[in-house]
Amino acid sequence: MNPKEFAVLELLYQRGNQPIQMIGKKVFISSSSLTYVADSLNRRNLLFVKNVWMIIV
């Protein structure tokens, strides 16, 4: 797990489900990087994206 993935998971753990745009702003990740991080975490069944929300599993 890389630092960006950890930051996203930590934010979701601390604050609960969040809109994708808010996650990017809070952890200072560009939208293209956040898409990559979300896809990576989704492949490992650590979160899923529903509409524009990231939801921790």
PDB file of N, CA and C in Angstrom:
ATOM      1  N   MET A   1       0.845  -1.165   0.000  1.00  0.00           N
ATOM      2  CA  MET A   1       0.000   0.000   0.000  1.00  0.00           C
ATOM      3  C   MET A   1       0.896   1.234   0.000  1.00  0.00           C
ATOM      4  N   ASN A   2       0.583   2.155  -0.892  1.00  0.00           N
ATOM      5  CA  ASN A   2       1.395   3.373  -0.968  1.00  0.00           C
ATOM      6  C   ASN A   2       0.789   4.476  -0.086  1.00  0.00           C
ATOM      7  N   PRO A   3       1.522   5.566   0.113  1.00  0.00           N
ATOM      8  CA  PRO A   3       1.044   6.632   1.009  1.00  0.00           C
ATOM      9  C   PRO A   3      -0.288   7.255   0.581  1.00  0.00           C
ATOM     10  N   LYS A   4      -0.523   7.387  -0.712  1.00  0.00           N
ATOM     11  CA  LYS A   4      -1.789   7.969  -1.173  1.00  0.00           C
ATOM     12  C   LYS A   4      -2.962   7.058  -0.834  1.00  0.00           C
ATOM     13  N   GLU A   5      -2.784   5.760  -1.043  1.00  0.00           N
ATOM     14  CA  GLU A   5      -3.849   4.803  -0.710  1.00  0.00           C
ATOM     15  C   GLU A   5      -4.122   4.836   0.794  1.00  0.00           C
ATOM     16  N   PHE A   6      -3.068   4.864   1.581  1.00  0.00           N
ATOM     17  CA  PHE A   6      -3.227   4.915   3.027  1.00  0.00           C
ATOM     18  C   PHE A   6      -3.959   6.184   3.444  1.00  0.00           C
ATOM     19  N   ALA A   7      -3.609   7.315   2.862  1.00  0.00           N
ATOM     20  CA  ALA A   7      -4.250   8.586   3.210  1.00  0.00           C
ATOM     21  C   ALA A   7      -5.747   8.549   2.918  1.00  0.00           C
ATOM     22  N   VAL A   8      -6.125   7.980   1.783  1.00  0.00           N
ATOM     23  CA  VAL A   8      -7.541   7.882   1.430  1.00  0.00           C
ATOM     24  C   VAL A   8      -8.273   6.972   2.414  1.00  0.00           C
ATOM     25  N   LEU A   9      -7.706   5.806   2.701  1.00  0.00           N
ATOM     26  CA  LEU A   9      -8.354   4.889   3.635  1.00  0.00           C
ATOM     27  C   LEU A   9      -8.444   5.485   5.036  1.00  0.00           C
ATOM     28  N   GLU A  10      -7.406   6.173   5.467  1.00  0.00           N
ATOM     29  CA  GLU A  10      -7.422   6.784   6.792  1.00  0.00           C
ATOM     30  C   GLU A  10      -8.506   7.854   6.879  1.00  0.00           C
ATOM     31  N   LEU A  11      -8.621   8.679   5.837  1.00  0.00           N
ATOM     32  CA  LEU A  11      -9.657   9.703   5.815  1.00  0.00           C
ATOM     33  C   LEU A  11     -11.040   9.065   5.886  1.00  0.00           C
ATOM     34  N   LEU A  12     -11.264   8.027   5.102  1.00  0.00           N
ATOM     35  CA  LEU A  12     -12.568   7.370   5.115  1.00  0.00           C
ATOM     36  C   LEU A  12     -12.841   6.711   6.456  1.00  0.00           C
ATOM     37  N   TYR A  13     -11.821   6.176   7.077  1.00  0.00           N
ATOM     38  CA  TYR A  13     -11.990   5.554   8.390  1.00  0.00           C
ATOM     39  C   TYR A  13     -12.352   6.604   9.446  1.00  0.00           C
ATOM     40  N   GLN A  14     -11.663   7.739   9.403  1.00  0.00           N
ATOM     41  CA  GLN A  14     -11.877   8.785  10.395  1.00  0.00           C
ATOM     42  C   GLN A  14     -13.191   9.547  10.182  1.00  0.00           C
ATOM     43  N   ARG A  15     -13.532   9.818   8.937  1.00  0.00           N
ATOM     44  CA  ARG A  15     -14.670  10.700   8.641  1.00  0.00           C
ATOM     45  C   ARG A  15     -15.865  10.000   8.014  1.00  0.00           C
ATOM     46  N   GLY A  16     -15.737   8.735   7.684  1.00  0.00           N
ATOM     47  CA  GLY A  16     -16.848   8.023   7.051  1.00  0.00           C
ATOM     48  C   GLY A  16     -16.882   8.262   5.552  1.00  0.00           C
ATOM     49  N   ASN A  17     -17.927   7.800   4.926  1.00  0.00           N
ATOM     50  CA  ASN A  17     -18.072   7.910   3.473  1.00  0.00           C
ATOM     51  C   ASN A  17     -18.002   9.377   3.048  1.00  0.00           C
ATOM     52  N   GLN A  18     -17.313   9.613   1.945  1.00  0.00           N
ATOM     53  CA  GLN A  18     -17.070  10.975   1.482  1.00  0.00           C
ATOM     54  C   GLN A  18     -17.245  11.060  -0.029  1.00  0.00           C
ATOM     55  N   PRO A  19     -17.677  12.225  -0.533  1.00  0.00           N
ATOM     56  CA  PRO A  19     -17.671  12.432  -1.990  1.00  0.00           C
ATOM     57  C   PRO A  19     -16.226  12.451  -2.499  1.00  0.00           C
ATOM     58  N   ILE A  20     -16.033  11.969  -3.695  1.00  0.00           N
ATOM     59  CA  ILE A  20     -14.689  11.870  -4.270  1.00  0.00           C
ATOM     60  C   ILE A  20     -13.990  13.224  -4.303  1.00  0.00           C
ATOM     61  N   GLN A  21     -14.689  14.265  -4.688  1.00  0.00           N
ATOM     62  CA  GLN A  21     -14.054  15.586  -4.774  1.00  0.00           C
ATOM     63  C   GLN A  21     -13.538  16.048  -3.416  1.00  0.00           C
ATOM     64  N   MET A  22     -14.279  15.781  -2.359  1.00  0.00           N
ATOM     65  CA  MET A  22     -13.858  16.196  -1.019  1.00  0.00           C
ATOM     66  C   MET A  22     -12.616  15.429  -0.580  1.00  0.00           C
ATOM     67  N   ILE A  23     -12.539  14.162  -0.929  1.00  0.00           N
ATOM     68  CA  ILE A  23     -11.364  13.363  -0.568  1.00  0.00           C
ATOM     69  C   ILE A  23     -10.122  13.951  -1.223  1.00  0.00           C
ATOM     70  N   GLY A  24     -10.225  14.251  -2.505  1.00  0.00           N
ATOM     71  CA  GLY A  24      -9.091  14.831  -3.220  1.00  0.00           C
ATOM     72  C   GLY A  24      -8.615  16.122  -2.585  1.00  0.00           C
ATOM     73  N   LYS A  25      -9.558  16.972  -2.175  1.00  0.00           N
ATOM     74  CA  LYS A  25      -9.188  18.238  -1.552  1.00  0.00           C
ATOM     75  C   LYS A  25      -8.556  18.039  -0.178  1.00  0.00           C
ATOM     76  N   LYS A  26      -9.074  17.094   0.584  1.00  0.00           N
ATOM     77  CA  LYS A  26      -8.600  16.907   1.955  1.00  0.00           C
ATOM     78  C   LYS A  26      -7.241  16.230   2.039  1.00  0.00           C
ATOM     79  N   VAL A  27      -6.932  15.362   1.082  1.00  0.00           N
ATOM     80  CA  VAL A  27      -5.637  14.676   1.123  1.00  0.00           C
ATOM     81  C   VAL A  27      -4.687  15.165   0.033  1.00  0.00           C
ATOM     82  N   PHE A  28      -5.076  16.241  -0.649  1.00  0.00           N
ATOM     83  CA  PHE A  28      -4.217  16.899  -1.650  1.00  0.00           C
ATOM     84  C   PHE A  28      -3.766  15.944  -2.755  1.00  0.00           C
ATOM     85  N   ILE A  29      -4.737  15.254  -3.360  1.00  0.00           N
ATOM     86  CA  ILE A  29      -4.470  14.347  -4.473  1.00  0.00           C
ATOM     87  C   ILE A  29      -5.234  14.865  -5.683  1.00  0.00           C
ATOM     88  N   SER A  30      -4.572  14.901  -6.836  1.00  0.00           N
ATOM     89  CA  SER A  30      -5.243  15.348  -8.059  1.00  0.00           C
ATOM     90  C   SER A  30      -6.327  14.347  -8.446  1.00  0.00           C
ATOM     91  N   SER A  31      -7.266  14.780  -9.258  1.00  0.00           N
ATOM     92  CA  SER A  31      -8.384  13.908  -9.625  1.00  0.00           C
ATOM     93  C   SER A  31      -7.930  12.671 -10.390  1.00  0.00           C
ATOM     94  N   SER A  32      -6.921  12.814 -11.241  1.00  0.00           N
ATOM     95  CA  SER A  32      -6.440  11.648 -11.995  1.00  0.00           C
ATOM     96  C   SER A  32      -5.747  10.654 -11.062  1.00  0.00           C
ATOM     97  N   SER A  33      -4.978  11.141 -10.110  1.00  0.00           N
ATOM     98  CA  SER A  33      -4.332  10.246  -9.134  1.00  0.00           C
ATOM     99  C   SER A  33      -5.367   9.584  -8.239  1.00  0.00           C
ATOM    100  N   LEU A  34      -6.395  10.331  -7.870  1.00  0.00           N
ATOM    101  CA  LEU A  34      -7.430   9.784  -7.013  1.00  0.00           C
ATOM    102  C   LEU A  34      -8.198   8.672  -7.723  1.00  0.00           C
ATOM    103  N   THR A  35      -8.416   8.824  -9.012  1.00  0.00           N
ATOM    104  CA  THR A  35      -9.065   7.761  -9.795  1.00  0.00           C
ATOM    105  C   THR A  35      -8.217   6.501  -9.766  1.00  0.00           C
ATOM    106  N   TYR A  36      -6.922   6.647  -9.936  1.00  0.00           N
ATOM    107  CA  TYR A  36      -6.017   5.495  -9.890  1.00  0.00           C
ATOM    108  C   TYR A  36      -6.051   4.839  -8.507  1.00  0.00           C
ATOM    109  N   VAL A  37      -5.998   5.655  -7.451  1.00  0.00           N
ATOM    110  CA  VAL A  37      -6.023   5.139  -6.086  1.00  0.00           C
ATOM    111  C   VAL A  37      -7.339   4.406  -5.827  1.00  0.00           C
ATOM    112  N   ALA A  38      -8.449   4.993  -6.226  1.00  0.00           N
ATOM    113  CA  ALA A  38      -9.761   4.369  -6.019  1.00  0.00           C
ATOM    114  C   ALA A  38      -9.852   3.036  -6.756  1.00  0.00           C
ATOM    115  N   ASP A  39      -9.383   2.995  -7.994  1.00  0.00           N
ATOM    116  CA  ASP A  39      -9.401   1.742  -8.758  1.00  0.00           C
ATOM    117  C   ASP A  39      -8.537   0.686  -8.084  1.00  0.00           C
ATOM    118  N   SER A  40      -7.385   1.085  -7.612  1.00  0.00           N
ATOM    119  CA  SER A  40      -6.474   0.159  -6.949  1.00  0.00           C
ATOM    120  C   SER A  40      -7.093  -0.415  -5.670  1.00  0.00           C
ATOM    121  N   LEU A  41      -7.684   0.446  -4.852  1.00  0.00           N
ATOM    122  CA  LEU A  41      -8.310  -0.017  -3.614  1.00  0.00           C
ATOM    123  C   LEU A  41      -9.565  -0.835  -3.892  1.00  0.00           C
ATOM    124  N   ASN A  42     -10.268  -0.480  -4.951  1.00  0.00           N
ATOM    125  CA  ASN A  42     -11.467  -1.227  -5.331  1.00  0.00           C
ATOM    126  C   ASN A  42     -11.098  -2.649  -5.781  1.00  0.00           C
ATOM    127  N   ARG A  43     -10.012  -2.783  -6.527  1.00  0.00           N
ATOM    128  CA  ARG A  43      -9.569  -4.118  -6.970  1.00  0.00           C
ATOM    129  C   ARG A  43      -9.235  -5.016  -5.791  1.00  0.00           C
ATOM    130  N   ARG A  44      -8.768  -4.412  -4.696  1.00  0.00           N
ATOM    131  CA  ARG A  44      -8.423  -5.185  -3.494  1.00  0.00           C
ATOM    132  C   ARG A  44      -9.585  -5.281  -2.509  1.00  0.00           C
ATOM    133  N   ASN A  45     -10.770  -4.849  -2.951  1.00  0.00           N
ATOM    134  CA  ASN A  45     -11.992  -4.896  -2.145  1.00  0.00           C
ATOM    135  C   ASN A  45     -11.870  -4.144  -0.815  1.00  0.00           C
ATOM    136  N   LEU A  46     -11.142  -3.032  -0.827  1.00  0.00           N
ATOM    137  CA  LEU A  46     -11.004  -2.215   0.373  1.00  0.00           C
ATOM    138  C   LEU A  46     -12.009  -1.068   0.399  1.00  0.00           C
ATOM    139  N   LEU A  47     -12.518  -0.696  -0.756  1.00  0.00           N
ATOM    140  CA  LEU A  47     -13.570   0.309  -0.840  1.00  0.00           C
ATOM    141  C   LEU A  47     -14.291   0.134  -2.154  1.00  0.00           C
ATOM    142  N   PHE A  48     -15.436   0.798  -2.275  1.00  0.00           N
ATOM    143  CA  PHE A  48     -16.086   0.857  -3.571  1.00  0.00           C
ATOM    144  C   PHE A  48     -16.625   2.248  -3.791  1.00  0.00           C
ATOM    145  N   VAL A  49     -16.839   2.568  -5.051  1.00  0.00           N
ATOM    146  CA  VAL A  49     -17.323   3.885  -5.429  1.00  0.00           C
ATOM    147  C   VAL A  49     -18.752   3.724  -5.919  1.00  0.00           C
ATOM    148  N   LYS A  50     -19.649   4.487  -5.314  1.00  0.00           N
ATOM    149  CA  LYS A  50     -21.049   4.464  -5.728  1.00  0.00           C
ATOM    150  C   LYS A  50     -21.426   5.878  -6.092  1.00  0.00           C
ATOM    151  N   ASN A  51     -21.781   6.080  -7.338  1.00  0.00           N
ATOM    152  CA  ASN A  51     -22.034   7.412  -7.897  1.00  0.00           C
ATOM    153  C   ASN A  51     -20.780   8.259  -7.693  1.00  0.00           C
ATOM    154  N   VAL A  52     -20.809   9.250  -6.837  1.00  0.00           N
ATOM    155  CA  VAL A  52     -19.615  10.080  -6.612  1.00  0.00           C
ATOM    156  C   VAL A  52     -19.097   9.917  -5.187  1.00  0.00           C
ATOM    157  N   TRP A  53     -19.523   8.879  -4.482  1.00  0.00           N
ATOM    158  CA  TRP A  53     -19.098   8.636  -3.097  1.00  0.00           C
ATOM    159  C   TRP A  53     -18.132   7.495  -3.021  1.00  0.00           C
ATOM    160  N   MET A  54     -17.092   7.639  -2.190  1.00  0.00           N
ATOM    161  CA  MET A  54     -16.207   6.524  -1.864  1.00  0.00           C
ATOM    162  C   MET A  54     -16.684   5.938  -0.551  1.00  0.00           C
ATOM    163  N   ILE A  55     -16.867   4.650  -0.545  1.00  0.00           N
ATOM    164  CA  ILE A  55     -17.415   3.984   0.614  1.00  0.00           C
ATOM    165  C   ILE A  55     -16.450   2.896   1.052  1.00  0.00           C
ATOM    166  N   ILE A  56     -16.020   2.977   2.297  1.00  0.00           N
ATOM    167  CA  ILE A  56     -15.085   1.987   2.830  1.00  0.00           C
ATOM    168  C   ILE A  56     -15.852   0.714   3.137  1.00  0.00           C
ATOM    169  N   VAL A  57     -15.227  -0.405   2.861  1.00  0.00           N
ATOM    170  CA  VAL A  57     -15.882  -1.705   3.080  1.00  0.00           C
ATOM    171  C   VAL A  57     -15.528  -2.212   4.457  1.00  0.00           C
TER     172      VAL A  57
END
